[in-house]
PDB file of N, CA and C in Angstrom:
ATOM      1  N   MET A   1      23.555  71.232-144.836  1.00  0.00           N
ATOM      2  CA  MET A   1      22.948  70.958-143.686  1.00  0.00           C
ATOM      3  C   MET A   1      24.145  70.974-142.949  1.00  0.00           C
ATOM      4  N   CYS A   2      23.986  70.929-141.845  1.00  0.00           N
ATOM      5  CA  CYS A   2      24.898  70.883-140.540  1.00  0.00           C
ATOM      6  C   CYS A   2      24.750  69.750-139.528  1.00  0.00           C
ATOM      7  N   GLU A   3      24.847  68.733-139.728  1.00  0.00           N
ATOM      8  CA  GLU A   3      24.707  67.594-138.689  1.00  0.00           C
ATOM      9  C   GLU A   3      26.273  67.122-138.041  1.00  0.00           C
ATOM     10  N   VAL A   4      25.865  66.471-137.158  1.00  0.00           N
ATOM     11  CA  VAL A   4      27.204  66.426-136.198  1.00  0.00           C
ATOM     12  C   VAL A   4      27.431  64.753-136.132  1.00  0.00           C
ATOM     13  N   ASN A   5      28.289  63.960-135.513  1.00  0.00           N
ATOM     14  CA  ASN A   5      28.549  63.019-135.086  1.00  0.00           C
ATOM     15  C   ASN A   5      28.320  63.248-133.499  1.00  0.00           C
ATOM     16  N   ALA A   6      27.911  62.364-132.572  1.00  0.00           N
ATOM     17  CA  ALA A   6      27.458  62.336-131.152  1.00  0.00           C
ATOM     18  C   ALA A   6      28.603  61.626-130.461  1.00  0.00           C
ATOM     19  N   TYR A   7      29.519  61.710-129.670  1.00  0.00           N
ATOM     20  CA  TYR A   7      30.387  60.939-129.036  1.00  0.00           C
ATOM     21  C   TYR A   7      29.964  60.957-127.599  1.00  0.00           C
ATOM     22  N   ILE A   8      29.937  59.962-126.350  1.00  0.00           N
ATOM     23  CA  ILE A   8      30.309  59.677-125.276  1.00  0.00           C
ATOM     24  C   ILE A   8      31.651  59.644-124.551  1.00  0.00           C
ATOM     25  N   LYS A   9      31.963  60.199-124.079  1.00  0.00           N
ATOM     26  CA  LYS A   9      33.312  60.116-123.074  1.00  0.00           C
ATOM     27  C   LYS A   9      32.870  59.416-121.979  1.00  0.00           C
ATOM     28  N   ARG A  10      34.149  57.747-122.425  1.00  0.00           N
ATOM     29  CA  ARG A  10      34.271  56.406-121.393  1.00  0.00           C
ATOM     30  C   ARG A  10      35.450  56.269-121.529  1.00  0.00           C
ATOM     31  N   ASP A  11      35.829  56.244-120.212  1.00  0.00           N
ATOM     32  CA  ASP A  11      36.829  55.474-119.575  1.00  0.00           C
ATOM     33  C   ASP A  11      38.276  56.248-120.390  1.00  0.00           C
ATOM     34  N   GLY A  12      38.147  57.791-120.337  1.00  0.00           N
ATOM     35  CA  GLY A  12      38.844  58.509-121.393  1.00  0.00           C
ATOM     36  C   GLY A  12      39.148  58.609-122.767  1.00  0.00           C
ATOM     37  N   HIS A  13      38.308  57.843-123.143  1.00  0.00           N
ATOM     38  CA  HIS A  13      38.042  57.668-124.543  1.00  0.00           C
ATOM     39  C   HIS A  13      36.739  58.263-125.318  1.00  0.00           C
ATOM     40  N   GLU A  14      36.435  58.602-126.313  1.00  0.00           N
ATOM     41  CA  GLU A  14      35.139  58.688-126.923  1.00  0.00           C
ATOM     42  C   GLU A  14      34.672  57.877-127.839  1.00  0.00           C
ATOM     43  N   VAL A  15      33.553  57.454-127.636  1.00  0.00           N
ATOM     44  CA  VAL A  15      32.511  56.436-128.098  1.00  0.00           C
ATOM     45  C   VAL A  15      31.536  57.019-129.252  1.00  0.00           C
ATOM     46  N   LEU A  16      31.246  56.536-130.262  1.00  0.00           N
ATOM     47  CA  LEU A  16      30.314  57.181-131.280  1.00  0.00           C
ATOM     48  C   LEU A  16      29.058  56.603-130.719  1.00  0.00           C
ATOM     49  N   VAL A  17      28.268  57.689-130.603  1.00  0.00           N
ATOM     50  CA  VAL A  17      26.793  57.080-129.804  1.00  0.00           C
ATOM     51  C   VAL A  17      25.847  57.219-131.563  1.00  0.00           C
ATOM     52  N   MET A  18      26.198  58.006-132.434  1.00  0.00           N
ATOM     53  CA  MET A  18      25.375  58.445-133.322  1.00  0.00           C
ATOM     54  C   MET A  18      25.934  59.231-134.342  1.00  0.00           C
ATOM     55  N   GLU A  19      25.670  58.514-135.719  1.00  0.00           N
ATOM     56  CA  GLU A  19      26.492  59.532-136.893  1.00  0.00           C
ATOM     57  C   GLU A  19      24.806  60.545-137.707  1.00  0.00           C
ATOM     58  N   GLY A  20      25.426  61.510-138.204  1.00  0.00           N
ATOM     59  CA  GLY A  20      24.572  62.313-139.049  1.00  0.00           C
ATOM     60  C   GLY A  20      23.215  63.021-137.971  1.00  0.00           C
ATOM     61  N   VAL A  21      23.838  63.429-136.749  1.00  0.00           N
ATOM     62  CA  VAL A  21      22.556  64.065-136.029  1.00  0.00           C
ATOM     63  C   VAL A  21      22.056  65.208-136.486  1.00  0.00           C
ATOM     64  N   PHE A  22      20.919  65.565-136.203  1.00  0.00           N
ATOM     65  CA  PHE A  22      20.797  66.817-136.834  1.00  0.00           C
ATOM     66  C   PHE A  22      19.835  67.778-135.591  1.00  0.00           C
ATOM     67  N   VAL A  23      19.028  66.738-135.162  1.00  0.00           N
ATOM     68  CA  VAL A  23      18.380  67.132-133.862  1.00  0.00           C
ATOM     69  C   VAL A  23      19.182  66.899-132.232  1.00  0.00           C
ATOM     70  N   VAL A  24      18.985  68.051-131.453  1.00  0.00           N
ATOM     71  CA  VAL A  24      19.404  67.658-130.158  1.00  0.00           C
ATOM     72  C   VAL A  24      18.533  67.872-129.227  1.00  0.00           C
ATOM     73  N   LYS A  25      17.442  67.000-128.465  1.00  0.00           N
ATOM     74  CA  LYS A  25      16.519  68.043-127.787  1.00  0.00           C
ATOM     75  C   LYS A  25      16.550  67.596-126.281  1.00  0.00           C
ATOM     76  N   PRO A  26      16.806  68.375-125.334  1.00  0.00           N
ATOM     77  CA  PRO A  26      16.475  67.911-124.071  1.00  0.00           C
ATOM     78  C   PRO A  26      15.137  67.245-124.026  1.00  0.00           C
ATOM     79  N   GLU A  27      15.212  66.325-122.654  1.00  0.00           N
ATOM     80  CA  GLU A  27      14.272  65.387-122.613  1.00  0.00           C
ATOM     81  C   GLU A  27      14.410  65.200-121.151  1.00  0.00           C
ATOM     82  N   GLY A  28      13.831  66.232-120.133  1.00  0.00           N
ATOM     83  CA  GLY A  28      14.423  65.965-118.600  1.00  0.00           C
ATOM     84  C   GLY A  28      15.719  65.754-118.467  1.00  0.00           C
ATOM     85  N   ASP A  29      16.252  64.698-117.695  1.00  0.00           N
ATOM     86  CA  ASP A  29      17.635  64.838-117.285  1.00  0.00           C
ATOM     87  C   ASP A  29      18.527  64.128-118.485  1.00  0.00           C
ATOM     88  N   LYS A  30      17.906  63.799-119.862  1.00  0.00           N
ATOM     89  CA  LYS A  30      18.425  62.907-120.860  1.00  0.00           C
ATOM     90  C   LYS A  30      18.436  63.995-122.476  1.00  0.00           C
ATOM     91  N   VAL A  31      18.938  63.586-123.248  1.00  0.00           N
ATOM     92  CA  VAL A  31      18.950  64.246-124.138  1.00  0.00           C
ATOM     93  C   VAL A  31      18.613  63.166-125.776  1.00  0.00           C
ATOM     94  N   LEU A  32      17.514  63.640-126.391  1.00  0.00           N
ATOM     95  CA  LEU A  32      16.821  62.943-127.648  1.00  0.00           C
ATOM     96  C   LEU A  32      18.203  62.961-128.744  1.00  0.00           C
ATOM     97  N   LEU A  33      18.254  62.278-129.547  1.00  0.00           N
ATOM     98  CA  LEU A  33      19.548  62.744-130.558  1.00  0.00           C
ATOM     99  C   LEU A  33      18.623  62.066-131.545  1.00  0.00           C
ATOM    100  N   GLU A  34      18.281  62.838-132.613  1.00  0.00           N
ATOM    101  CA  GLU A  34      17.575  62.179-134.124  1.00  0.00           C
ATOM    102  C   GLU A  34      18.400  62.448-134.919  1.00  0.00           C
ATOM    103  N   ASN A  35      18.801  61.574-135.935  1.00  0.00           N
ATOM    104  CA  ASN A  35      19.957  61.667-137.295  1.00  0.00           C
ATOM    105  C   ASN A  35      19.018  61.886-138.579  1.00  0.00           C
ATOM    106  N   ILE A  36      19.934  62.218-139.773  1.00  0.00           N
ATOM    107  CA  ILE A  36      18.953  62.432-141.040  1.00  0.00           C
ATOM    108  C   ILE A  36      18.332  61.280-141.450  1.00  0.00           C
ATOM    109  N   PHE A  37      18.408  59.908-141.043  1.00  0.00           N
ATOM    110  CA  PHE A  37      17.722  58.559-141.287  1.00  0.00           C
ATOM    111  C   PHE A  37      16.326  58.489-140.442  1.00  0.00           C
ATOM    112  N   GLY A  38      16.273  59.607-139.510  1.00  0.00           N
ATOM    113  CA  GLY A  38      14.888  59.415-138.553  1.00  0.00           C
ATOM    114  C   GLY A  38      15.000  58.576-137.288  1.00  0.00           C
ATOM    115  N   GLU A  39      16.692  57.758-137.268  1.00  0.00           N
ATOM    116  CA  GLU A  39      16.544  57.167-136.231  1.00  0.00           C
ATOM    117  C   GLU A  39      16.874  57.981-134.781  1.00  0.00           C
ATOM    118  N   GLN A  40      16.346  57.528-133.759  1.00  0.00           N
ATOM    119  CA  GLN A  40      16.205  58.447-132.344  1.00  0.00           C
ATOM    120  C   GLN A  40      17.209  57.286-131.493  1.00  0.00           C
ATOM    121  N   LYS A  41      17.777  58.256-130.357  1.00  0.00           N
ATOM    122  CA  LYS A  41      18.142  57.750-129.407  1.00  0.00           C
ATOM    123  C   LYS A  41      18.053  58.490-128.567  1.00  0.00           C
ATOM    124  N   LEU A  42      17.750  58.018-126.769  1.00  0.00           N
ATOM    125  CA  LEU A  42      17.928  58.671-126.060  1.00  0.00           C
ATOM    126  C   LEU A  42      19.178  58.517-125.085  1.00  0.00           C
ATOM    127  N   VAL A  43      19.914  59.178-124.975  1.00  0.00           N
ATOM    128  CA  VAL A  43      20.764  59.445-123.956  1.00  0.00           C
ATOM    129  C   VAL A  43      21.134  60.077-122.698  1.00  0.00           C
ATOM    130  N   ASP A  44      21.398  59.260-121.751  1.00  0.00           N
ATOM    131  CA  ASP A  44      21.475  59.531-120.348  1.00  0.00           C
ATOM    132  C   ASP A  44      23.007  60.231-120.014  1.00  0.00           C
ATOM    133  N   ALA A  45      22.937  61.193-120.509  1.00  0.00           N
ATOM    134  CA  ALA A  45      24.075  62.309-120.413  1.00  0.00           C
ATOM    135  C   ALA A  45      24.279  63.324-120.558  1.00  0.00           C
ATOM    136  N   LYS A  46      24.925  64.598-120.250  1.00  0.00           N
ATOM    137  CA  LYS A  46      25.292  65.502-120.052  1.00  0.00           C
ATOM    138  C   LYS A  46      26.308  66.007-121.225  1.00  0.00           C
ATOM    139  N   ILE A  47      25.769  67.549-122.270  1.00  0.00           N
ATOM    140  CA  ILE A  47      26.598  68.150-123.118  1.00  0.00           C
ATOM    141  C   ILE A  47      28.316  68.360-122.618  1.00  0.00           C
ATOM    142  N   SER A  48      28.901  67.869-122.958  1.00  0.00           N
ATOM    143  CA  SER A  48      30.093  68.175-122.622  1.00  0.00           C
ATOM    144  C   SER A  48      31.027  68.997-123.456  1.00  0.00           C
ATOM    145  N   GLN A  49      30.644  68.997-125.066  1.00  0.00           N
ATOM    146  CA  GLN A  49      30.971  70.006-125.744  1.00  0.00           C
ATOM    147  C   GLN A  49      30.406  70.077-127.164  1.00  0.00           C
ATOM    148  N   ILE A  50      30.234  71.364-127.803  1.00  0.00           N
ATOM    149  CA  ILE A  50      29.811  71.245-129.030  1.00  0.00           C
ATOM    150  C   ILE A  50      30.903  71.813-130.089  1.00  0.00           C
ATOM    151  N   SER A  51      31.404  71.405-131.162  1.00  0.00           N
ATOM    152  CA  SER A  51      32.021  71.870-132.027  1.00  0.00           C
ATOM    153  C   SER A  51      31.588  71.797-133.550  1.00  0.00           C
ATOM    154  N   LEU A  52      31.135  72.549-134.211  1.00  0.00           N
ATOM    155  CA  LEU A  52      30.438  72.876-135.274  1.00  0.00           C
ATOM    156  C   LEU A  52      31.222  72.575-136.169  1.00  0.00           C
ATOM    157  N   MET A  53      32.541  73.472-135.997  1.00  0.00           N
ATOM    158  CA  MET A  53      33.758  73.153-137.104  1.00  0.00           C
ATOM    159  C   MET A  53      34.109  71.854-137.008  1.00  0.00           C
ATOM    160  N   GLU A  54      34.361  70.926-136.265  1.00  0.00           N
ATOM    161  CA  GLU A  54      34.552  69.570-136.205  1.00  0.00           C
ATOM    162  C   GLU A  54      33.121  68.717-136.400  1.00  0.00           C
ATOM    163  N   HIS A  55      31.846  69.155-136.269  1.00  0.00           N
ATOM    164  CA  HIS A  55      30.802  68.773-136.661  1.00  0.00           C
ATOM    165  C   HIS A  55      30.794  67.594-135.607  1.00  0.00           C
ATOM    166  N   LYS A  56      30.843  68.000-134.381  1.00  0.00           N
ATOM    167  CA  LYS A  56      30.985  66.948-133.305  1.00  0.00           C
ATOM    168  C   LYS A  56      30.315  67.306-132.253  1.00  0.00           C
ATOM    169  N   ILE A  57      29.599  66.631-131.222  1.00  0.00           N
ATOM    170  CA  ILE A  57      28.887  66.796-130.061  1.00  0.00           C
ATOM    171  C   ILE A  57      29.570  65.708-129.212  1.00  0.00           C
ATOM    172  N   THR A  58      30.070  66.262-127.902  1.00  0.00           N
ATOM    173  CA  THR A  58      30.554  64.729-126.957  1.00  0.00           C
ATOM    174  C   THR A  58      29.503  65.412-125.678  1.00  0.00           C
ATOM    175  N   PHE A  59      29.230  64.094-125.123  1.00  0.00           N
ATOM    176  CA  PHE A  59      28.358  63.906-124.142  1.00  0.00           C
ATOM    177  C   PHE A  59      29.527  63.595-123.212  1.00  0.00           C
ATOM    178  N   GLN A  60      29.200  63.601-121.569  1.00  0.00           N
ATOM    179  CA  GLN A  60      29.789  62.678-120.274  1.00  0.00           C
ATOM    180  C   GLN A  60      28.855  62.417-119.499  1.00  0.00           C
TER     181      GLN A  60
END
């Protein structure tokens, strides 16, 4: 399985938004995240970077 941790950049720092994300789905101008436990979070941000090697997605 290839899940990632989602972070958002705030004031020059990365803040963890959700761990174990395996679904990233655009919802208009937002992004829906779903983790391996079925928890969902709607993020009002844009994707900045996806690094599959680091299992990390960063939003801004």
